[in-house]
Protein backbone atom coordinates (compact mmCIF):
# COMPACT_ATOMS: atom_id res chain seq x y z
CA MET A 1 44.39 -30.07 -40.09
CA LEU A 2 47.52 -29.72 -37.99
CA LYS A 3 49.45 -26.50 -38.28
CA LYS A 4 53.22 -26.50 -38.63
CA LYS A 5 54.89 -25.49 -35.40
CA PRO A 6 58.62 -24.83 -35.55
CA ASN A 7 59.15 -25.69 -31.87
CA GLY A 8 56.73 -28.61 -31.74
CA HIS A 9 57.84 -32.10 -30.79
CA ILE A 10 56.71 -35.64 -31.50
CA SER A 11 57.21 -38.12 -28.67
CA ILE A 12 56.78 -41.87 -28.28
CA GLU A 13 55.68 -43.28 -24.91
CA LYS A 14 56.09 -39.98 -23.06
CA PHE A 15 52.56 -38.59 -22.84
CA ASP A 16 50.89 -41.49 -24.65
CA ASP A 17 51.84 -43.98 -27.37
CA ILE A 18 52.45 -41.07 -29.77
CA ALA A 19 52.02 -37.39 -28.95
CA PHE A 20 52.49 -33.97 -30.49
CA ALA A 21 53.60 -31.41 -27.93
CA ASP A 22 54.30 -27.70 -27.59
CA GLU A 23 56.39 -26.43 -24.69
CA ASP A 24 56.23 -29.88 -23.03
CA ILE A 25 52.41 -29.91 -23.04
CA ALA A 26 50.71 -32.55 -25.19
CA THR A 27 48.37 -31.01 -27.74
CA CYS A 28 47.42 -34.28 -29.45
CA VAL A 29 47.78 -37.81 -28.09
CA ILE A 30 47.39 -41.00 -30.12
CA GLN A 31 46.96 -44.60 -29.02
CA ALA A 32 48.58 -47.14 -31.36
CA LYS A 33 47.40 -50.75 -31.19
CA HIS A 34 49.04 -53.68 -32.94
CA HIS A 35 48.36 -57.37 -32.53
CA VAL A 36 49.75 -60.36 -34.41
CA THR A 37 46.26 -61.84 -34.73
CA PRO A 38 43.26 -59.70 -35.76
CA LYS A 39 41.38 -58.02 -32.89
CA SER A 40 38.16 -56.05 -32.93
CA LEU A 41 37.73 -52.67 -31.29
CA SER A 42 34.32 -52.84 -29.63
CA ASP A 43 32.78 -51.99 -26.28
CA SER A 44 34.12 -55.30 -24.94
CA SER A 45 37.69 -54.58 -26.09
CA VAL A 46 40.27 -54.64 -23.28
CA ASP A 47 42.46 -52.21 -25.27
CA LEU A 48 39.62 -49.68 -25.52
CA TRP A 49 38.89 -49.73 -21.78
CA LYS A 50 42.59 -49.51 -20.83
CA THR A 51 42.96 -46.43 -23.07
CA LEU A 52 39.89 -44.76 -21.60
CA ARG A 53 41.10 -45.49 -18.05
CA ILE A 54 44.47 -43.88 -18.79
CA TRP A 55 42.86 -40.77 -20.31
CA VAL A 56 40.25 -40.37 -17.56
CA THR A 57 42.90 -40.83 -14.86
CA GLY A 58 45.02 -38.17 -16.55
CA CYS A 59 42.10 -35.73 -16.70
CA GLY A 60 41.20 -36.38 -13.07
CA ALA A 61 44.75 -35.68 -11.93
CA SER A 62 44.42 -32.00 -12.95
CA SER A 63 47.53 -32.55 -15.03
CA GLU A 64 48.69 -29.87 -17.45
CA LEU A 65 49.46 -32.80 -19.73
CA PHE A 66 45.77 -33.30 -20.44
CA ARG A 67 44.54 -29.71 -20.29
CA ILE A 68 43.70 -29.56 -24.02
CA GLY A 69 41.18 -32.41 -24.14
CA CYS A 70 39.72 -32.30 -20.64
CA ARG A 71 36.82 -30.09 -19.68
CA SER A 72 35.63 -29.42 -16.14
């Protein structure tokens, strides 16, 4: 469960589609997907692979942005 943080921020399209941040460091990032026609999220999904590429690239860049979820 998320804890209330008086100085926390919610951003849209800054760190990811939606993100919760503390002191300009994302602590939780969320990908939001919407399509007019139904789409499946499977291992052949273009949306899934684009999201993974973005997250892996962020982790590989040694960015403070991704320090919470990335492990070396």
